[in-house]
Protein backbone atom coordinates (compact mmCIF):
# COMPACT_ATOMS: atom_id res chain seq x y z
CA ILE A 1 -60.52 -37.72 40.31
CA ASP A 2 -62.78 -39.82 38.98
CA LEU A 3 -64.68 -42.00 41.36
CA ARG A 4 -66.21 -43.95 38.87
CA ARG A 5 -69.32 -44.23 39.70
CA PRO A 6 -71.82 -41.70 42.08
CA CYS A 7 -70.31 -41.69 45.56
CA LYS A 8 -70.88 -40.32 48.63
CA VAL A 9 -67.66 -38.74 49.93
CA SER A 10 -67.24 -39.14 53.58
CA ALA A 11 -64.20 -37.07 54.09
CA ILE A 12 -61.19 -35.45 51.98
CA ARG A 13 -57.64 -36.03 53.48
CA VAL A 14 -54.70 -34.52 52.34
CA LYS A 15 -51.10 -35.28 53.08
CA TRP A 16 -49.05 -32.49 52.92
CA TRP A 17 -45.07 -32.51 52.07
CA GLY A 18 -42.88 -30.44 54.35
CA ASP A 19 -44.17 -27.13 55.50
CA TYR A 20 -46.51 -26.84 52.15
CA GLY A 21 -49.64 -27.56 54.63
CA SER A 22 -49.23 -24.05 55.95
CA ARG A 23 -48.07 -22.23 52.71
CA ASN A 24 -50.05 -23.38 50.06
CA THR A 25 -53.70 -23.16 49.64
CA LEU A 26 -56.46 -25.67 49.35
CA GLN A 27 -59.89 -25.53 48.01
CA VAL A 28 -61.88 -28.88 47.17
CA PHE A 29 -64.79 -28.88 44.56
CA SER A 30 -66.98 -31.66 43.29
CA SER A 31 -69.48 -32.95 40.56
CA ILE A 32 -72.14 -35.46 39.96
CA GLU A 33 -70.99 -35.50 36.12
CA ALA A 34 -67.87 -37.63 34.82
CA ARG A 35 -66.05 -36.40 31.72
CA ALA A 36 -66.78 -38.35 28.38
CA GLU A 37 -63.50 -39.72 26.80
CA ASP A 38 -64.53 -38.13 23.76
CA SER A 39 -65.34 -34.87 25.44
CA SER A 40 -63.60 -31.68 25.96
CA GLY A 41 -66.51 -29.86 27.78
CA ASP A 42 -66.03 -28.67 30.73
CA LEU A 43 -67.80 -30.24 34.10
CA GLU A 44 -69.94 -28.08 36.55
CA PHE A 45 -68.48 -28.16 40.15
CA THR A 46 -69.82 -27.25 43.11
CA PRO A 47 -67.22 -25.48 45.48
CA ARG A 48 -66.93 -28.22 48.98
CA GLY A 49 -64.41 -26.91 51.64
CA ARG A 50 -61.08 -25.45 51.65
CA ARG A 51 -57.97 -25.39 54.03
CA ILE A 52 -58.66 -23.32 56.56
CA SER A 53 -56.10 -24.05 59.40
CA ASP A 54 -52.16 -24.19 58.85
CA VAL A 55 -50.69 -27.56 59.33
CA GLY A 56 -47.74 -28.40 60.73
CA LEU A 57 -44.41 -30.42 59.11
CA ASN A 58 -45.40 -33.15 56.90
CA GLY A 59 -49.35 -33.08 58.65
CA TRP A 60 -52.82 -33.66 57.60
CA THR A 61 -55.76 -31.72 56.33
CA GLU A 62 -59.08 -33.34 56.85
CA LEU A 63 -62.42 -31.51 55.23
CA ALA A 64 -65.75 -32.84 56.34
CA GLY A 65 -67.62 -34.45 53.49
CA TRP A 66 -71.26 -33.85 52.31
CA ASP A 67 -74.40 -35.66 51.38
CA GLU A 68 -75.16 -35.43 47.67
CA PRO A 69 -73.54 -37.93 45.28
CA SER A 70 -70.17 -37.06 43.79
CA ARG A 71 -68.59 -38.41 40.53
CA SER A 72 -65.68 -36.38 40.08
CA VAL A 73 -64.04 -34.69 42.99
CA LYS A 74 -61.45 -31.58 42.06
CA LEU A 75 -58.52 -30.32 43.99
CA GLU A 76 -56.91 -27.03 43.63
CA LEU A 77 -54.07 -25.95 45.05
CA GLY A 78 -52.89 -21.95 45.24
CA ASN A 79 -49.68 -20.22 46.13
CA PRO A 80 -46.94 -22.30 45.15
CA CYS A 81 -43.78 -21.56 46.73
CA PRO A 82 -39.95 -23.48 46.67
CA ASP A 83 -40.23 -26.17 48.68
CA CYS A 84 -38.62 -25.73 53.04
CA PHE A 85 -35.78 -28.17 52.06
CA GLY A 86 -34.50 -26.51 48.92
CA LEU A 87 -34.87 -29.81 47.27
CA ASN A 88 -36.52 -27.66 44.47
CA LYS A 89 -39.71 -30.20 44.43
């Protein structure tokens, strides 16, 4: 996520669909850099947090922010699985 300028991130909130908040993993990373439009190079990201507690149906995960300014934020989701409603989403 390009924040367009260096910002202080006070929190990250993620709204989960169904029971994904208890079955998927979530990790948050940040970078002070932004990718130039003509660049294909990788940014250097710092780990900032991860989902620790399971969340109920359609619940929220909130992670604390950090003091250093960030220009880019990356959310990594893991452990993909079929949705609990059988809708194949």
